[in-house]
Protein backbone atom coordinates (compact mmCIF):
# COMPACT_ATOMS: atom_id res chain seq x y z
CA MET A 1 59.37 22.35 -73.14
CA ASN A 2 60.34 23.94 -76.49
CA LEU A 3 60.22 27.35 -74.82
CA LEU A 4 62.62 26.20 -72.10
CA HIS A 5 65.02 24.65 -74.62
CA ILE A 6 65.12 27.87 -76.65
CA ALA A 7 65.68 29.97 -73.52
CA VAL A 8 68.56 27.74 -72.35
CA ARG A 9 70.06 27.80 -75.85
CA GLU A 10 69.84 31.60 -75.84
CA VAL A 11 71.61 31.85 -72.49
CA LYS A 12 74.46 29.69 -73.80
CA LEU A 13 74.73 31.72 -77.00
CA GLY A 14 74.56 34.95 -75.02
CA PHE A 15 77.61 34.10 -72.94
CA ARG A 16 79.55 33.09 -76.04
CA ASN A 17 79.01 36.61 -77.36
CA PRO A 18 81.94 38.95 -76.57
CA TRP A 19 79.45 41.84 -76.44
CA ALA A 20 77.99 40.36 -73.25
CA TYR A 21 81.37 40.39 -71.47
CA SER A 22 82.21 43.86 -72.76
CA PHE A 23 78.96 45.22 -71.35
CA MET A 24 79.48 43.27 -68.12
CA ILE A 25 82.86 44.93 -67.59
CA LEU A 26 81.50 48.35 -68.52
CA PHE A 27 78.49 48.04 -66.24
CA THR A 28 80.67 46.82 -63.37
CA VAL A 29 82.87 49.90 -63.76
CA PHE A 30 79.74 52.08 -63.76
CA SER A 31 78.47 50.31 -60.65
CA LEU A 32 81.77 50.82 -58.84
CA SER A 33 81.49 54.53 -59.57
CA LEU A 34 78.56 54.46 -57.14
CA LEU A 35 81.09 53.73 -54.42
CA LEU A 36 83.32 56.58 -55.52
CA ILE A 37 80.41 59.00 -55.27
CA ASN A 38 79.40 57.46 -51.95
CA THR A 39 82.86 58.02 -50.47
CA GLN A 40 82.38 61.75 -50.99
CA SER A 41 78.90 61.90 -49.43
CA PHE A 42 76.71 59.11 -48.12
CA ILE A 43 73.99 58.43 -50.69
CA GLU A 44 70.50 58.03 -49.29
CA GLY A 45 67.29 58.86 -51.09
CA TYR A 46 67.15 61.26 -54.03
CA SER A 47 70.12 63.60 -54.31
CA SER A 48 72.51 64.97 -56.91
CA GLY A 49 74.59 61.80 -56.52
CA THR A 50 71.71 59.42 -57.13
CA SER A 51 70.46 61.60 -59.98
CA THR A 52 73.87 61.40 -61.67
CA MET A 53 74.03 57.63 -61.33
CA LEU A 54 70.47 57.20 -62.57
CA ASN A 55 71.44 59.16 -65.68
CA PHE A 56 74.57 57.03 -66.18
CA ILE A 57 72.50 53.85 -66.00
CA LEU A 58 69.85 55.38 -68.25
CA TYR A 59 72.45 56.09 -70.93
CA LEU A 60 74.05 52.63 -70.83
CA LEU A 61 71.43 49.97 -70.16
CA PRO A 62 68.80 50.81 -72.83
CA LEU A 63 71.45 50.92 -75.57
CA MET A 64 73.04 47.70 -74.34
CA THR A 65 69.64 45.99 -74.21
CA LEU A 66 68.52 47.21 -77.62
CA LEU A 67 71.70 46.01 -79.31
CA ILE A 68 71.98 42.59 -77.66
CA GLY A 69 68.25 41.91 -77.91
CA SER A 70 67.81 42.90 -81.56
CA PHE A 71 71.05 41.20 -82.64
CA SER A 72 69.81 37.99 -81.05
CA LEU A 73 66.88 37.83 -83.47
CA THR A 74 68.58 39.20 -86.57
CA SER A 75 71.40 36.67 -86.20
CA GLU A 76 68.82 33.89 -86.54
CA LYS A 77 67.88 35.32 -89.94
CA GLU A 78 71.40 36.06 -91.17
CA GLU A 79 72.92 32.74 -90.11
CA GLY A 80 69.95 30.66 -91.25
CA SER A 81 69.29 29.22 -87.79
CA TRP A 82 65.61 30.07 -87.98
CA THR A 83 65.28 28.23 -91.27
CA LEU A 84 66.49 25.10 -89.52
CA LEU A 85 64.47 25.66 -86.36
CA SER A 86 61.27 26.23 -88.34
CA THR A 87 61.48 22.67 -89.68
CA TYR A 88 60.98 21.39 -86.13
CA PRO A 89 57.61 21.36 -84.32
CA ILE A 90 58.34 24.67 -82.55
CA SER A 91 55.60 27.25 -82.26
CA THR A 92 56.42 30.85 -83.07
CA PHE A 93 55.20 31.87 -79.61
CA SER A 94 57.64 29.48 -77.91
CA PHE A 95 60.45 30.79 -80.10
CA ILE A 96 59.74 34.46 -79.35
CA VAL A 97 59.14 34.04 -75.61
CA GLY A 98 62.11 31.67 -75.33
CA LYS A 99 64.39 34.22 -76.98
CA TYR A 100 63.05 36.98 -74.76
CA THR A 101 63.51 34.92 -71.60
CA GLY A 102 67.01 33.79 -72.51
CA VAL A 103 68.30 37.26 -73.37
CA ALA A 104 66.63 38.69 -70.26
CA VAL A 105 68.47 36.15 -68.10
CA VAL A 106 71.80 37.07 -69.72
CA LEU A 107 71.25 40.81 -69.19
CA LEU A 108 70.01 40.39 -65.63
CA ILE A 109 73.09 38.30 -64.82
CA ILE A 110 75.24 41.12 -66.21
CA ILE A 111 73.71 43.70 -63.87
CA ALA A 112 73.73 41.19 -60.99
CA VAL A 113 77.50 40.82 -61.41
CA GLY A 114 77.97 44.59 -61.53
CA TYR A 115 75.89 45.29 -58.45
CA GLY A 116 77.30 42.23 -56.70
CA VAL A 117 80.86 43.50 -57.10
CA THR A 118 79.72 46.91 -55.87
CA GLY A 119 78.00 45.42 -52.84
CA ILE A 120 81.00 43.30 -51.89
CA ALA A 121 83.43 46.20 -52.34
CA GLY A 122 81.16 48.47 -50.32
CA SER A 123 80.93 46.00 -47.43
CA LEU A 124 84.72 45.51 -47.41
CA PHE A 125 85.49 49.22 -47.33
CA GLY A 126 82.57 50.13 -45.11
CA ARG A 127 81.12 52.61 -47.60
CA GLY A 128 78.17 50.67 -48.92
CA LEU A 129 75.03 52.32 -50.22
CA ASP A 130 71.86 52.71 -48.21
CA PHE A 131 69.91 49.45 -48.65
CA GLN A 132 66.72 51.12 -49.89
CA THR A 133 68.66 53.17 -52.45
CA TYR A 134 70.67 50.14 -53.53
CA ARG A 135 67.48 48.11 -54.00
CA LEU A 136 65.88 50.84 -56.10
CA PHE A 137 68.97 51.07 -58.33
CA ILE A 138 68.65 47.34 -58.98
CA ALA A 139 64.92 47.73 -59.68
CA PHE A 140 65.66 50.66 -62.02
CA SER A 141 68.19 48.62 -63.99
CA ALA A 142 65.97 45.54 -64.17
CA GLY A 143 62.98 47.61 -65.28
CA LEU A 144 64.96 49.21 -68.10
CA ILE A 145 66.12 45.79 -69.27
CA ILE A 146 62.68 44.20 -69.18
CA LEU A 147 60.98 47.00 -71.12
CA PHE A 148 63.71 47.84 -73.62
CA LEU A 149 64.20 44.16 -74.37
CA ALA A 150 60.55 44.09 -75.43
CA VAL A 151 61.32 46.99 -77.79
CA ALA A 152 64.42 45.16 -79.05
CA LEU A 153 62.25 42.14 -79.77
CA CYS A 154 60.11 44.22 -82.12
CA VAL A 155 63.18 45.77 -83.77
CA GLY A 156 64.79 42.37 -84.36
CA THR A 157 61.54 41.08 -85.81
CA TRP A 158 61.13 43.87 -88.34
CA VAL A 159 64.71 44.30 -89.62
CA ARG A 160 66.66 41.92 -91.86
CA ASN A 161 70.25 42.25 -90.65
CA ARG A 162 72.46 43.53 -87.84
CA TRP A 163 73.24 46.84 -89.56
CA GLN A 164 69.57 47.73 -89.74
CA ALA A 165 69.14 46.61 -86.12
CA LEU A 166 72.09 48.80 -85.08
CA THR A 167 70.75 51.86 -86.90
CA ILE A 168 67.19 51.57 -85.61
CA GLY A 169 68.31 50.58 -82.10
CA VAL A 170 70.57 53.62 -81.77
CA ALA A 171 67.81 55.87 -83.16
CA ILE A 172 65.28 54.57 -80.61
CA TRP A 173 67.82 54.97 -77.81
CA PHE A 174 68.60 58.54 -78.88
CA PHE A 175 64.97 59.68 -79.04
CA ALA A 176 63.87 57.80 -75.89
CA VAL A 177 66.83 58.83 -73.71
CA ILE A 178 68.90 61.71 -75.10
CA GLY A 179 66.40 63.70 -77.12
CA TRP A 180 63.31 63.04 -74.99
CA PRO A 181 63.30 66.24 -72.87
CA THR A 182 63.76 68.47 -75.92
CA LEU A 183 61.11 66.67 -77.95
CA LEU A 184 58.69 66.73 -75.04
CA VAL A 185 59.05 70.47 -74.51
CA ALA A 186 58.76 71.15 -78.25
CA VAL A 187 55.59 69.07 -78.67
CA LEU A 188 53.81 70.18 -75.51
CA GLY A 189 54.64 73.83 -76.19
CA LEU A 190 52.50 73.74 -79.33
CA LEU A 191 49.38 72.45 -77.58
CA PRO A 192 46.60 74.10 -75.54
CA TYR A 193 47.13 73.91 -71.78
CA MET A 194 44.23 71.52 -71.21
CA TRP A 195 45.86 68.92 -73.47
CA ILE A 196 49.26 68.97 -71.78
CA LYS A 197 48.62 66.64 -68.83
CA PRO A 198 46.71 63.93 -70.79
CA LEU A 199 49.32 63.90 -73.56
CA LEU A 200 52.18 63.96 -71.04
CA THR A 201 50.72 60.87 -69.38
CA ALA A 202 50.31 59.05 -72.70
CA LEU A 203 53.82 59.90 -73.89
CA THR A 204 55.36 58.89 -70.57
CA VAL A 205 53.70 55.48 -70.70
CA LEU A 206 54.92 55.01 -74.28
CA ASN A 207 58.54 55.79 -73.32
CA PRO A 208 59.92 52.94 -71.16
CA ALA A 209 62.95 54.99 -70.08
CA GLU A 210 60.81 57.84 -68.75
CA LEU A 211 58.26 55.47 -67.19
CA VAL A 212 60.87 53.60 -65.13
CA ARG A 213 62.80 56.76 -64.29
CA LEU A 214 59.75 58.52 -62.87
CA PHE A 215 58.81 55.51 -60.77
CA VAL A 216 62.26 55.20 -59.21
CA VAL A 217 62.72 58.96 -58.67
CA VAL A 218 59.42 59.14 -56.79
CA LYS A 219 60.30 56.06 -54.73
CA LEU A 220 63.63 57.70 -53.85
CA GLY A 221 61.72 60.70 -52.54
CA GLY A 222 62.43 63.08 -55.42
CA GLY A 223 58.84 63.61 -56.54
CA SER A 224 58.97 67.33 -55.69
CA ALA A 225 61.76 67.80 -58.25
CA LEU A 226 59.54 66.66 -61.13
CA GLY A 227 57.29 69.72 -61.22
CA PRO A 228 53.52 70.27 -60.88
CA GLU A 229 52.75 68.48 -64.16
CA TYR A 230 53.68 65.20 -62.51
CA TYR A 231 51.67 65.70 -59.32
CA GLU A 232 49.21 62.93 -60.24
CA TRP A 233 52.11 60.61 -61.05
CA VAL A 234 53.69 61.24 -57.65
CA ARG A 235 50.42 60.62 -55.84
CA TRP A 236 49.76 57.46 -57.85
CA ILE A 237 53.24 55.97 -57.31
CA GLN A 238 53.27 56.80 -53.61
CA ALA A 239 49.89 55.13 -53.09
CA PRO A 240 49.88 51.62 -51.50
CA SER A 241 48.92 50.11 -54.86
CA GLY A 242 51.50 52.16 -56.81
CA THR A 243 54.08 49.40 -57.17
CA VAL A 244 51.48 46.81 -58.18
CA SER A 245 50.02 49.21 -60.77
CA PHE A 246 53.47 49.95 -62.15
CA LEU A 247 54.24 46.23 -62.49
CA ALA A 248 50.88 45.76 -64.25
CA ILE A 249 51.77 48.49 -66.76
CA CYS A 250 55.14 46.83 -67.39
CA LEU A 251 53.42 43.47 -67.92
CA ILE A 252 51.03 45.03 -70.43
CA TRP A 253 53.98 46.70 -72.17
CA VAL A 254 55.92 43.44 -72.52
CA SER A 255 52.83 41.42 -73.52
CA ALA A 256 51.94 43.92 -76.25
CA ALA A 257 55.49 43.87 -77.65
CA ILE A 258 55.65 40.06 -77.62
CA GLY A 259 52.22 39.90 -79.25
CA LEU A 260 53.31 42.28 -82.02
CA ALA A 261 56.58 40.40 -82.59
CA HIS A 262 54.70 37.08 -82.68
CA TRP A 263 52.22 38.41 -85.23
CA VAL A 264 54.95 39.73 -87.55
CA TRP A 265 57.13 36.64 -87.19
CA GLU A 266 54.21 34.26 -87.73
CA ARG A 267 53.15 36.22 -90.79
CA GLY A 268 56.61 35.88 -92.27
CA ARG A 269 56.73 32.19 -91.37
CA VAL A 270 53.44 31.47 -93.17
CA ARG A 271 54.49 33.42 -96.26
CA GLY A 272 57.94 31.81 -96.21
């Protein structure tokens, strides 16, 4: 029950935060831009229009998630809330998972509002997105939130204040989203050919933005645009068990991050 109480408390605190409403408005505007693109050419499957919108979402959601998620934990340290909570019979695991669940609910409601407004506007004007494409956009956004929130959990656990969380969060966002293609080409270009595919697989799994992007691009039918290096990825994702395997990887990702955050937080709690 402690876990549920913490999650509910986090949802309430999340919607008292002006950042949440700022991101909600911004994401709604981004979602409505889907309709503007769709009025020019009907979006179905993988195209230049869907690629553009995937990039827009990829730029916004990870940064939004990293900031809100890490600030949620660092605020507990700065404001002394954790000092008070630790005097109650609350396990560290319940605290960490409750925070994760609460922030995830807030962020998922934000994207639900954005896509909901887009869906309603599309039905009113008769220019709605193809259902399969619309569903994959929602899955793409939710996947980014779930995985990057796990990263934010680790950031908020390690840092001491919001400024450190801001600096590290922006750095992670930059390397995982903006600088990733350049870094990938630079690193792989220095290695023997036989090492490229194994390392590419490992690096892709370690980067939540690239992992979710590849999955959605293949599901949209754009696997051929990824290049021969990703042939095994395309075949794996398109297999009947591809979605289940992808969800299993995401679960492992989140579990590992929560486990790491729990270990660090519990260590600090024992040492005082």
